[in-house]
């Protein structure tokens, strides 16, 4: 038995139940209590509301059928007014179709008192608490935010793994045959890589397999651009060439000649270029190096930060290139920031096929 049905029966027990008008007011109070309870619980789903109303009307019809049967079985208790209550279902506003019955009681909240249920024709009945059944709200669908965040996290992890694999596999190494496709410095192609300055043990690392391109103090082998200059310098009694670029473009570059013999050894191979540099002051210097290897092409632009005495290295590869018959050039810019900083050059070496 539902809660509303129990409340109706209790109200009938405490009222003049033989009167159809009294019963009608009790039924209508139950309807009002149901509507008030639905509003209080903020239940607006049409199917849920219709189901609750249907259950209540079924209970009212069942109770009223019992009351009529009991009245017919006891002729000594005539029904007041000689009419049966109005059992028509209520409208959306909580009243039965055709308007509220006479003596209809107002309901505050979900509770209905015995006096409001029975009206002035009751016989001292106590309060009747008629409350709607609690409607279990349908569970809300699980938020999609969690699923979306899970997908995003999976994608980020996948991209991170792919980036790590590409970097560790060496696919990002700069290759020759044309300018790189990275950022630009003063309108020139710039193909950066992860190789920074490396402090090398020249006694052990530069074996006889390395081909000398520039030796310390051989300033005549260097050619300065229109916005650059080359001066002799020394540090700790070691001769060097001090290179100063006034602009970051090719006009500020110093050209280092590479012989055709070394270029022929590099053709069709991956080779390593090493430059021994030093920043004259305590402030780091940003330098760039690029290749102009005649018919073999270029190698993009490489940028390095030089602090103190350092050896910087980068790899180039020329696959199936024509062997040149004329010298090539390495173009070194001492300050791509355009501040006119200088860098000291001690040596340039190339390891063909290494």
Protein backbone atom coordinates (compact mmCIF):
# COMPACT_ATOMS: atom_id res chain seq x y z
CA UNK A 1 0.00 0.00 0.00
CA UNK A 2 1.39 3.40 -1.00
CA UNK A 3 1.92 6.26 1.43
CA UNK A 4 -0.88 8.39 -0.07
CA UNK A 5 -3.34 5.48 0.04
CA UNK A 6 -2.52 4.91 3.70
CA UNK A 7 -3.00 8.62 4.42
CA UNK A 8 -6.37 8.64 2.65
CA UNK A 9 -7.59 5.63 4.62
CA UNK A 10 -6.42 7.19 7.89
CA UNK A 11 -8.24 10.41 7.04
CA UNK A 12 -11.42 8.48 6.25
CA UNK A 13 -11.18 6.65 9.58
CA UNK A 14 -11.15 9.99 11.42
CA UNK A 15 -13.93 11.62 9.37
CA UNK A 16 -17.59 11.22 8.47
CA UNK A 17 -16.73 8.71 5.76
CA UNK A 18 -20.37 7.90 5.01
CA UNK A 19 -20.71 11.34 3.39
CA UNK A 20 -19.71 11.38 -0.30
CA UNK A 21 -18.86 15.08 -0.02
CA UNK A 22 -16.44 14.42 2.83
CA UNK A 23 -14.77 11.64 0.90
CA UNK A 24 -14.52 13.85 -2.18
CA UNK A 25 -12.74 16.55 -0.17
CA UNK A 26 -10.31 13.99 1.23
CA UNK A 27 -9.55 12.67 -2.26
CA UNK A 28 -9.05 16.18 -3.60
CA UNK A 29 -6.76 17.02 -0.68
CA UNK A 30 -4.67 13.98 -1.55
CA UNK A 31 -4.41 15.21 -5.14
CA UNK A 32 -3.33 18.64 -3.96
CA UNK A 33 -0.80 17.10 -1.60
CA UNK A 34 0.68 15.08 -4.46
CA UNK A 35 1.01 18.17 -6.67
CA UNK A 36 2.58 20.17 -3.85
CA UNK A 37 5.03 17.37 -3.15
CA UNK A 38 6.05 17.12 -6.82
CA UNK A 39 6.68 20.84 -6.95
CA UNK A 40 8.66 20.77 -3.74
CA UNK A 41 10.85 17.97 -5.05
CA UNK A 42 11.24 19.86 -8.36
CA UNK A 43 10.01 16.93 -10.39
CA UNK A 44 9.03 18.21 -13.84
CA UNK A 45 9.42 15.12 -16.00
CA UNK A 46 6.01 14.61 -17.71
CA UNK A 47 6.21 10.82 -17.61
CA UNK A 48 7.10 10.75 -13.90
CA UNK A 49 4.32 13.23 -13.01
CA UNK A 50 1.74 11.31 -15.06
CA UNK A 51 2.76 8.02 -13.41
CA UNK A 52 2.37 9.49 -9.92
CA UNK A 53 -1.05 10.94 -10.75
CA UNK A 54 -2.17 7.64 -12.25
CA UNK A 55 -1.17 5.72 -9.13
CA UNK A 56 -3.06 8.15 -6.93
CA UNK A 57 -6.24 8.01 -9.06
CA UNK A 58 -6.10 4.20 -9.06
CA UNK A 59 -5.87 4.21 -5.27
CA UNK A 60 -8.78 6.70 -5.00
CA UNK A 61 -11.00 4.58 -7.27
CA UNK A 62 -10.14 1.46 -5.31
CA UNK A 63 -10.89 3.09 -1.96
CA UNK A 64 -14.11 4.68 -3.23
CA UNK A 65 -15.30 1.32 -4.59
CA UNK A 66 -14.79 -0.14 -1.13
CA UNK A 67 -16.62 2.75 0.50
CA UNK A 68 -19.60 2.39 -1.86
CA UNK A 69 -19.77 -1.35 -1.24
CA UNK A 70 -19.72 -0.73 2.49
CA UNK A 71 -22.48 1.91 2.19
CA UNK A 72 -24.72 -0.47 0.20
CA UNK A 73 -24.17 -3.21 2.76
CA UNK A 74 -25.30 -0.91 5.59
CA UNK A 75 -28.66 0.72 4.56
CA UNK A 76 -29.09 2.08 8.05
CA UNK A 77 -26.28 4.59 7.26
CA UNK A 78 -27.62 6.64 4.33
CA UNK A 79 -25.12 8.75 2.51
CA UNK A 80 -25.43 12.43 3.23
CA UNK A 81 -26.55 14.30 0.17
CA UNK A 82 -27.37 11.02 -1.59
CA UNK A 83 -24.57 11.42 -4.13
CA UNK A 84 -21.21 9.91 -4.68
CA UNK A 85 -18.02 11.98 -4.80
CA UNK A 86 -16.54 13.44 -7.93
CA UNK A 87 -13.73 11.09 -9.00
CA UNK A 88 -12.72 12.93 -12.14
CA UNK A 89 -8.90 13.31 -12.48
CA UNK A 90 -7.45 16.68 -11.67
CA UNK A 91 -6.21 19.25 -14.14
CA UNK A 92 -2.67 20.54 -14.28
CA UNK A 93 -3.56 23.18 -11.67
CA UNK A 94 -4.37 20.47 -9.08
CA UNK A 95 -8.25 20.65 -9.27
CA UNK A 96 -10.65 18.13 -10.75
CA UNK A 97 -12.05 18.89 -14.18
CA UNK A 98 -15.02 21.23 -13.82
CA UNK A 99 -13.60 23.14 -10.83
CA UNK A 100 -13.04 22.28 -7.18
CA UNK A 101 -15.82 20.54 -5.29
CA UNK A 102 -17.80 22.38 -2.65
CA UNK A 103 -15.93 22.79 0.59
CA UNK A 104 -12.56 22.12 -1.09
CA UNK A 105 -9.74 22.69 1.37
CA UNK A 106 -6.58 24.64 0.62
CA UNK A 107 -3.29 22.81 1.16
CA UNK A 108 -0.06 24.37 2.39
CA UNK A 109 2.99 22.33 1.51
CA UNK A 110 2.46 18.57 1.39
CA UNK A 111 0.49 18.11 4.63
CA UNK A 112 -3.30 18.14 4.82
CA UNK A 113 -5.02 18.52 8.18
CA UNK A 114 -8.14 16.63 9.17
CA UNK A 115 -10.17 19.82 9.36
CA UNK A 116 -9.16 20.85 5.84
CA UNK A 117 -9.95 17.36 4.61
CA UNK A 118 -13.38 17.04 6.23
CA UNK A 119 -14.61 20.67 6.26
CA UNK A 120 -17.36 21.79 8.57
CA UNK A 121 -19.20 18.50 8.31
CA UNK A 122 -16.65 16.46 10.26
CA UNK A 123 -17.13 15.06 13.66
CA UNK A 124 -14.10 16.15 15.63
CA UNK A 125 -11.60 14.20 13.57
CA UNK A 126 -7.96 14.72 14.37
CA UNK A 127 -5.37 15.99 11.89
CA UNK A 128 -4.75 13.85 8.84
CA UNK A 129 -1.23 14.01 7.42
CA UNK A 130 -1.52 13.29 3.71
CA UNK A 131 1.87 13.46 1.98
CA UNK A 132 2.88 12.43 -1.52
CA UNK A 133 5.23 9.52 -1.96
CA UNK A 134 8.83 10.45 -2.49
CA UNK A 135 9.63 10.15 -6.14
CA UNK A 136 13.01 8.68 -6.90
CA UNK A 137 14.66 10.92 -9.43
CA UNK A 138 16.28 9.30 -12.40
CA UNK A 139 20.03 9.14 -12.07
CA UNK A 140 21.77 11.73 -14.12
CA UNK A 141 24.00 10.57 -16.86
CA UNK A 142 27.63 10.45 -15.98
CA UNK A 143 29.27 13.70 -16.86
CA UNK A 144 31.12 13.68 -20.13
CA UNK A 145 33.84 15.94 -18.75
CA UNK A 146 35.74 13.03 -17.22
CA UNK A 147 35.65 11.09 -20.49
CA UNK A 148 36.85 14.14 -22.43
CA UNK A 149 39.75 14.73 -20.03
CA UNK A 150 40.74 11.07 -20.29
CA UNK A 151 40.85 11.28 -24.09
CA UNK A 152 42.93 14.50 -23.97
CA UNK A 153 45.40 12.96 -21.50
CA UNK A 154 45.77 9.88 -23.72
CA UNK A 155 46.45 12.03 -26.79
CA UNK A 156 49.03 14.15 -24.95
CA UNK A 157 50.81 11.02 -23.75
CA UNK A 158 50.80 9.60 -27.28
CA UNK A 159 52.21 12.78 -28.84
CA UNK A 160 54.85 13.02 -26.13
CA UNK A 161 55.98 9.45 -26.76
CA UNK A 162 56.10 10.05 -30.51
CA UNK A 163 58.14 13.25 -30.07
CA UNK A 164 60.60 11.44 -27.77
CA UNK A 165 61.00 8.63 -30.29
CA UNK A 166 61.59 11.01 -33.21
CA UNK A 167 64.16 12.97 -31.25
CA UNK A 168 65.99 9.91 -29.93
CA UNK A 169 66.02 8.21 -33.33
CA UNK A 170 67.94 11.10 -34.92
CA UNK A 171 65.30 11.93 -37.50
CA UNK A 172 65.66 15.62 -36.71
CA UNK A 173 69.33 15.80 -37.66
CA UNK A 174 70.04 18.46 -40.27
CA UNK A 175 70.77 17.18 -43.76
CA UNK A 176 72.35 18.98 -46.68
CA UNK A 177 70.99 19.71 -50.12
CA UNK A 178 69.07 22.90 -49.25
CA UNK A 179 68.05 25.33 -46.56
CA UNK A 180 66.17 24.12 -43.54
CA UNK A 181 62.51 24.83 -43.02
CA UNK A 182 62.67 26.22 -39.51
CA UNK A 183 62.54 29.81 -38.26
CA UNK A 184 64.34 32.62 -40.02
CA UNK A 185 67.11 34.94 -38.85
CA UNK A 186 67.28 38.19 -40.78
CA UNK A 187 65.43 36.61 -43.69
CA UNK A 188 67.83 33.64 -43.94
CA UNK A 189 66.66 30.03 -43.44
CA UNK A 190 67.43 28.71 -40.00
CA UNK A 191 67.45 24.98 -39.28
CA UNK A 192 68.12 24.62 -35.57
CA UNK A 193 69.05 21.40 -33.85
CA UNK A 194 69.67 20.25 -30.33
CA UNK A 195 73.45 20.26 -30.57
CA UNK A 196 74.86 22.91 -28.27
CA UNK A 197 78.48 23.78 -27.51
CA UNK A 198 80.56 20.85 -26.33
CA UNK A 199 83.78 21.08 -24.39
CA UNK A 200 86.05 18.53 -26.06
CA UNK A 201 89.36 17.00 -25.19
CA UNK A 202 91.09 17.91 -28.44
CA UNK A 203 93.99 15.62 -27.62
CA UNK A 204 91.75 12.56 -27.56
CA UNK A 205 88.69 13.48 -29.62
CA UNK A 206 90.25 15.00 -32.74
CA UNK A 207 92.15 12.10 -34.24
CA UNK A 208 94.03 12.04 -37.53
CA UNK A 209 90.75 11.22 -39.31
CA UNK A 210 89.64 14.83 -38.86
CA UNK A 211 90.49 17.05 -41.80
CA UNK A 212 91.81 20.52 -40.81
CA UNK A 213 89.93 23.36 -42.49
CA UNK A 214 91.21 26.33 -40.51
CA UNK A 215 94.20 26.53 -38.17
CA UNK A 216 94.67 29.07 -35.40
CA UNK A 217 96.12 32.32 -36.60
CA UNK A 218 95.62 31.66 -40.33
CA UNK A 219 93.63 34.85 -40.81
CA UNK A 220 94.41 34.95 -44.53
CA UNK A 221 92.14 31.94 -45.02
CA UNK A 222 89.14 33.94 -43.77
CA UNK A 223 87.07 36.36 -45.83
CA UNK A 224 84.90 38.94 -44.02
CA UNK A 225 81.62 40.17 -45.45
CA UNK A 226 80.89 43.87 -46.05
CA UNK A 227 79.47 44.23 -42.51
CA UNK A 228 82.04 42.06 -40.70
CA UNK A 229 85.72 42.19 -39.74
CA UNK A 230 88.52 39.79 -38.79
CA UNK A 231 91.32 40.69 -36.35
CA UNK A 232 94.16 38.72 -34.78
CA UNK A 233 93.75 37.82 -31.12
CA UNK A 234 95.29 35.57 -28.52
CA UNK A 235 94.35 34.00 -25.21
CA UNK A 236 96.79 32.24 -22.90
CA UNK A 237 99.46 32.72 -25.59
CA UNK A 238 97.34 30.85 -28.13
CA UNK A 239 96.69 32.68 -31.40
CA UNK A 240 93.14 33.07 -32.64
CA UNK A 241 91.10 35.05 -35.11
CA UNK A 242 88.57 37.46 -33.57
CA UNK A 243 85.43 37.57 -35.71
CA UNK A 244 82.96 40.44 -35.38
CA UNK A 245 79.62 40.57 -37.22
CA UNK A 246 77.79 43.89 -37.30
CA UNK A 247 74.56 42.44 -38.72
CA UNK A 248 73.02 38.95 -38.34
CA UNK A 249 72.62 38.31 -42.10
CA UNK A 250 75.11 37.12 -44.68
CA UNK A 251 76.61 40.59 -45.02
CA UNK A 252 77.87 40.15 -41.47
CA UNK A 253 79.23 36.62 -41.99
CA UNK A 254 82.87 35.50 -42.14
CA UNK A 255 83.57 32.94 -44.87
CA UNK A 256 85.81 29.94 -44.11
CA UNK A 257 87.06 28.14 -47.21
CA UNK A 258 86.73 24.32 -47.48
CA UNK A 259 88.91 22.61 -50.12
CA UNK A 260 87.41 20.54 -52.96
CA UNK A 261 89.33 17.48 -51.70
CA UNK A 262 87.51 17.55 -48.34
CA UNK A 263 84.19 18.17 -50.07
CA UNK A 264 84.73 15.10 -52.28
CA UNK A 265 85.35 13.00 -49.18
CA UNK A 266 82.06 14.27 -47.73
CA UNK A 267 79.99 13.51 -50.86
CA UNK A 268 77.38 10.82 -50.27
CA UNK A 269 78.22 10.52 -46.58
CA UNK A 270 77.20 11.87 -43.18
CA UNK A 271 79.99 14.06 -41.86
CA UNK A 272 80.69 16.08 -38.70
CA UNK A 273 81.80 19.72 -38.63
CA UNK A 274 83.58 21.02 -35.50
CA UNK A 275 84.52 24.63 -34.65
CA UNK A 276 86.70 25.59 -31.68
CA UNK A 277 85.40 28.93 -30.34
CA UNK A 278 85.66 31.21 -27.32
CA UNK A 279 83.60 34.17 -26.15
CA UNK A 280 86.03 37.05 -25.38
CA UNK A 281 84.01 38.30 -22.41
CA UNK A 282 81.92 36.72 -19.68
CA UNK A 283 78.69 37.24 -21.59
CA UNK A 284 77.54 34.28 -23.78
CA UNK A 285 77.61 34.85 -27.53
CA UNK A 286 74.98 33.53 -29.96
CA UNK A 287 76.65 32.40 -33.20
CA UNK A 288 75.34 30.77 -36.36
CA UNK A 289 77.01 28.56 -38.98
CA UNK A 290 75.77 27.55 -42.43
CA UNK A 291 77.22 25.78 -45.47
CA UNK A 292 77.69 26.83 -49.07
CA UNK A 293 79.32 23.76 -50.61
CA UNK A 294 79.18 24.52 -54.32
CA UNK A 295 77.31 21.79 -56.26
CA UNK A 296 76.71 19.82 -53.05
CA UNK A 297 74.35 22.49 -51.75
CA UNK A 298 73.87 23.86 -48.24
CA UNK A 299 73.18 22.45 -44.80
CA UNK A 300 70.82 24.98 -43.28
CA UNK A 301 71.69 27.39 -40.51
CA UNK A 302 72.83 26.13 -37.10
CA UNK A 303 72.82 28.27 -33.97
CA UNK A 304 75.04 27.81 -30.91
CA UNK A 305 75.57 29.59 -27.60
CA UNK A 306 79.26 30.00 -26.83
CA UNK A 307 80.37 30.56 -23.24
CA UNK A 308 84.08 30.55 -22.53
CA UNK A 309 86.11 28.01 -24.52
CA UNK A 310 83.90 25.55 -26.39
CA UNK A 311 83.89 23.23 -29.37
CA UNK A 312 80.62 23.17 -31.28
CA UNK A 313 79.67 20.30 -33.61
CA UNK A 314 76.91 19.56 -36.08
CA UNK A 315 76.27 16.84 -38.64
CA UNK A 316 75.66 17.22 -42.37
CA UNK A 317 74.83 14.62 -44.99
CA UNK A 318 74.96 14.89 -48.76
CA UNK A 319 73.41 11.87 -50.44
CA UNK A 320 74.26 11.28 -54.08
CA UNK A 321 75.74 14.78 -54.45
CA UNK A 322 78.00 15.74 -57.31
CA UNK A 323 81.65 15.95 -56.36
CA UNK A 324 82.63 19.62 -56.62
CA UNK A 325 85.74 20.87 -58.37
CA UNK A 326 85.86 24.20 -56.55
CA UNK A 327 86.08 25.12 -52.87
CA UNK A 328 83.06 25.48 -50.64
CA UNK A 329 82.50 27.78 -47.69
CA UNK A 330 81.35 27.77 -44.10
CA UNK A 331 79.62 31.04 -43.17
CA UNK A 332 80.00 32.03 -39.51
CA UNK A 333 78.13 34.95 -37.94
CA UNK A 334 79.47 35.98 -34.55
CA UNK A 335 76.27 37.55 -33.21
CA UNK A 336 72.87 36.74 -34.66
CA UNK A 337 71.28 39.05 -32.08
CA UNK A 338 72.71 42.03 -33.97
CA UNK A 339 74.56 43.50 -30.98
CA UNK A 340 77.96 43.49 -32.68
CA UNK A 341 79.45 40.89 -30.34
CA UNK A 342 82.69 39.08 -31.22
CA UNK A 343 83.87 35.49 -31.00
CA UNK A 344 87.39 34.04 -31.16
CA UNK A 345 87.95 31.22 -33.66
CA UNK A 346 90.80 28.75 -33.02
CA UNK A 347 90.19 25.92 -35.44
CA UNK A 348 87.72 24.30 -37.86
CA UNK A 349 87.77 20.55 -38.59
CA UNK A 350 85.59 18.15 -40.60
CA UNK A 351 85.28 14.39 -40.11
CA UNK A 352 84.09 12.93 -43.45
CA UNK A 353 81.82 9.94 -42.97
CA UNK A 354 81.81 10.37 -39.21
